[in-house]
Each structure stands twice: as C-alpha cells, then as structure tokens.
C-alpha atoms as a PDB file:
ATOM      1  CA  GLN A   1      88.001  92.674 101.320  1.00  0.00           C
ATOM      2  CA  SER A   2      84.564  93.512 101.574  1.00  0.00           C
ATOM      3  CA  THR A   3      83.484  90.172 102.675  1.00  0.00           C
ATOM      4  CA  TRP A   4      85.439  90.450 105.900  1.00  0.00           C
ATOM      5  CA  ALA A   5      83.958  93.777 106.893  1.00  0.00           C
ATOM      6  CA  PRO A   6      80.868  92.258 108.401  1.00  0.00           C
ATOM      7  CA  LEU A   7      82.781  89.515 110.098  1.00  0.00           C
ATOM      8  CA  LEU A   8      85.204  92.041 111.586  1.00  0.00           C
ATOM      9  CA  ALA A   9      82.042  94.148 112.688  1.00  0.00           C
ATOM     10  CA  LEU A  10      80.428  91.057 114.269  1.00  0.00           C
ATOM     11  CA  GLY A  11      83.789  90.132 116.097  1.00  0.00           C
ATOM     12  CA  TYR A  12      84.335  93.665 117.417  1.00  0.00           C
ATOM     13  CA  MET A  13      80.874  93.699 118.707  1.00  0.00           C
ATOM     14  CA  ALA A  14      81.187  90.447 120.437  1.00  0.00           C
ATOM     15  CA  ALA A  15      84.585  91.327 121.925  1.00  0.00           C
ATOM     16  CA  THR A  16      83.541  94.608 123.266  1.00  0.00           C
ATOM     17  CA  ARG A  17      79.830  93.641 123.898  1.00  0.00           C
ATOM     18  CA  GLN A  18      78.755  96.623 122.277  1.00  0.00           C
ATOM     19  CA  THR A  19      76.635  97.242 119.191  1.00  0.00           C
ATOM     20  CA  LEU A  20      77.859  99.478 116.288  1.00  0.00           C
ATOM     21  CA  ALA A  21      76.127 102.732 115.573  1.00  0.00           C
ATOM     22  CA  LEU A  22      75.221 102.252 111.788  1.00  0.00           C
ATOM     23  CA  HIS A  23      73.886 105.963 111.042  1.00  0.00           C
ATOM     24  CA  VAL A  24      72.064 104.707 108.043  1.00  0.00           C
ATOM     25  CA  ARG A  25      70.445 108.187 107.594  1.00  0.00           C
ATOM     26  CA  VAL A  26      73.684 109.975 107.250  1.00  0.00           C
ATOM     27  CA  GLY A  27      75.564 107.291 105.192  1.00  0.00           C
ATOM     28  CA  LEU A  28      73.003 105.854 102.891  1.00  0.00           C
ATOM     29  CA  GLY A  29      72.888 108.705 100.225  1.00  0.00           C
ATOM     30  CA  PRO A  30      76.795 109.122  99.959  1.00  0.00           C
ATOM     31  CA  GLY A  31      77.093 105.240  99.970  1.00  0.00           C
ATOM     32  CA  LEU A  32      74.694 104.803  97.183  1.00  0.00           C
ATOM     33  CA  LEU A  33      76.249 107.636  95.124  1.00  0.00           C
ATOM     34  CA  ALA A  34      79.752 106.237  95.526  1.00  0.00           C
ATOM     35  CA  GLY A  35      78.581 102.777  94.676  1.00  0.00           C
ATOM     36  CA  THR A  36      76.753 104.136  91.651  1.00  0.00           C
ATOM     37  CA  LEU A  37      79.747 106.241  90.136  1.00  0.00           C
ATOM     38  CA  TRP A  38      82.171 103.248  90.977  1.00  0.00           C
ATOM     39  CA  ASN A  39      79.787 100.854  88.894  1.00  0.00           C
ATOM     40  CA  ILE A  40      79.541 103.469  86.196  1.00  0.00           C
ATOM     41  CA  GLY A  41      83.379 103.709  85.927  1.00  0.00           C
ATOM     42  CA  ASN A  42      83.773  99.851  86.112  1.00  0.00           C
ATOM     43  CA  VAL A  43      81.267  99.459  83.299  1.00  0.00           C
ATOM     44  CA  GLY A  44      82.998 102.220  81.347  1.00  0.00           C
ATOM     45  CA  SER A  45      86.392 100.457  81.768  1.00  0.00           C
ATOM     46  CA  ILE A  46      85.063  97.291  80.568  1.00  0.00           C
ATOM     47  CA  TYR A  47      83.424  98.808  77.635  1.00  0.00           C
ATOM     48  CA  ALA A  48      86.750 100.883  76.693  1.00  0.00           C
ATOM     49  CA  THR A  49      88.671  97.649  77.154  1.00  0.00           C
ATOM     50  CA  GLU A  50      86.459  95.873  74.823  1.00  0.00           C
ATOM     51  CA  LYS A  51      85.981  98.479  72.415  1.00  0.00           C
ATOM     52  CA  LEU A  52      89.655  99.601  72.202  1.00  0.00           C
ATOM     53  CA  GLY A  53      91.437  96.438  72.826  1.00  0.00           C
ATOM     54  CA  MET A  54      93.571  95.448  75.507  1.00  0.00           C
ATOM     55  CA  THR A  55      96.556  97.449  74.231  1.00  0.00           C
ATOM     56  CA  LEU A  56      94.815 100.759  74.484  1.00  0.00           C
ATOM     57  CA  GLY A  57      91.938 100.296  76.752  1.00  0.00           C
ATOM     58  CA  TYR A  58      93.526  98.641  79.798  1.00  0.00           C
ATOM     59  CA  PRO A  59      96.294 101.409  80.238  1.00  0.00           C
ATOM     60  CA  LEU A  60      93.629 104.093  79.796  1.00  0.00           C
ATOM     61  CA  THR A  61      91.571 102.271  82.610  1.00  0.00           C
ATOM     62  CA  GLN A  62      94.559 102.490  84.917  1.00  0.00           C
ATOM     63  CA  LEU A  63      94.620 106.295  84.835  1.00  0.00           C
ATOM     64  CA  ALA A  64      91.462 105.930  86.906  1.00  0.00           C
ATOM     65  CA  LEU A  65      94.061 106.080  89.648  1.00  0.00           C
ATOM     66  CA  LEU A  66      95.141 109.485  88.482  1.00  0.00           C
ATOM     67  CA  VAL A  67      91.542 110.916  88.501  1.00  0.00           C
ATOM     68  CA  ALA A  68      91.151 109.497  92.053  1.00  0.00           C
ATOM     69  CA  ALA A  69      94.145 111.245  93.091  1.00  0.00           C
ATOM     70  CA  LEU A  70      93.387 114.409  91.471  1.00  0.00           C
ATOM     71  CA  TRP A  71      89.920 114.384  93.188  1.00  0.00           C
ATOM     72  CA  GLY A  72      91.542 114.163  96.444  1.00  0.00           C
ATOM     73  CA  LEU A  73      94.142 116.788  95.835  1.00  0.00           C
ATOM     74  CA  LEU A  74      91.608 119.444  94.323  1.00  0.00           C
ATOM     75  CA  VAL A  75      88.495 118.719  96.089  1.00  0.00           C
ATOM     76  CA  PHE A  76      89.672 117.300  99.512  1.00  0.00           C
ATOM     77  CA  ARG A  77      93.042 119.032  99.597  1.00  0.00           C
ATOM     78  CA  GLU A  78      94.705 115.811 100.921  1.00  0.00           C
ATOM     79  CA  VAL A  79      98.072 116.726  99.712  1.00  0.00           C
ATOM     80  CA  ARG A  80      99.629 119.796 101.225  1.00  0.00           C
ATOM     81  CA  GLY A  81     103.267 121.058 101.359  1.00  0.00           C
ATOM     82  CA  LEU A  82     105.513 121.781  98.412  1.00  0.00           C
ATOM     83  CA  ARG A  83     107.492 118.561  98.725  1.00  0.00           C
ATOM     84  CA  ARG A  84     104.395 116.391  98.784  1.00  0.00           C
ATOM     85  CA  LEU A  85     103.048 118.205  95.675  1.00  0.00           C
ATOM     86  CA  VAL A  86     106.396 117.541  93.797  1.00  0.00           C
ATOM     87  CA  HIS A  87     106.030 113.927  94.828  1.00  0.00           C
ATOM     88  CA  PHE A  88     102.359 113.931  93.619  1.00  0.00           C
ATOM     89  CA  ALA A  89     103.470 115.307  90.457  1.00  0.00           C
ATOM     90  CA  LEU A  90     106.435 112.889  89.870  1.00  0.00           C
ATOM     91  CA  ALA A  91     104.045 109.952  90.702  1.00  0.00           C
ATOM     92  CA  SER A  92     101.391 111.388  88.209  1.00  0.00           C
ATOM     93  CA  LEU A  93     104.155 111.658  85.546  1.00  0.00           C
ATOM     94  CA  VAL A  94     105.343 108.217  86.034  1.00  0.00           C
ATOM     95  CA  LEU A  95     101.662 106.944  85.766  1.00  0.00           C
ATOM     96  CA  MET A  96     101.121 108.645  82.647  1.00  0.00           C
ATOM     97  CA  VAL A  97     104.391 107.605  80.942  1.00  0.00           C
ATOM     98  CA  GLY A  98     103.720 104.141  81.902  1.00  0.00           C
ATOM     99  CA  ALA A  99     100.329 104.110  80.433  1.00  0.00           C
ATOM    100  CA  GLY A 100     101.782 105.874  77.268  1.00  0.00           C
ATOM    101  CA  LEU A 101     104.334 102.800  76.994  1.00  0.00           C
ATOM    102  CA  LEU A 102     101.591 100.228  77.219  1.00  0.00           C
ATOM    103  CA  ILE A 103      99.862 101.936  74.610  1.00  0.00           C
ATOM    104  CA  VAL A 104     102.808 102.254  72.207  1.00  0.00           C
ATOM    105  CA  PHE A 105     104.467  98.865  73.068  1.00  0.00           C
ATOM    106  CA  GLY A 106     101.644  96.983  74.484  1.00  0.00           C
END
C-alpha cells in the first residue's frame, strides 16, 4: 500500500501538471509520533507473541483493533448515534469473544 502512494502522487502531478503541497512543517511532528507509536505497538506484539506463544499472544495482538476503535470513539468522536454505538458495542463483543475462543481453543 505505502509503495503505491509516491507513484500515485507522481501520476497525479503529471496528469494535472501541478505540484502537491507537502506541508512538512505541519505534518512532520504528527507523522513521526504516529510512526513511533505504531512501531512500539508492533514490537510489543512481536514480543508478546514470542513470550506468550501463538495461542495467547496472537489473539491479544488482534485486540489492537479494539484499542484503535476506542481511540476513535472516545477521542475523535467518530461514532455518533445510538444505533451506531450499539453496532460498535456488538462488534467489540464479537472481537473479544473471538479472541477469547482463540485463547481457549487455539
């Protein structure tokens, strides 16, 4: 995915004959922070899977999806409305039950 981004940007610039505004001063800090946090999480998931084994470690790393969703829900308020919140809660429950079943029956 990330391999295609520069090629798409170059294609866009060639097709429109415009240059893209990169906004390095605005995006550098948040981009570095996001990349650093992602790398910390990735190293943590590798360490957890190595130390806990595939049966326990891998399902726990899949719960990172729930953490990201909660971040979007609580910090950025991406999910609004009772119906969507109920769907979010049900999806979270399915995710946690699935991880639990992988841990138990691995």
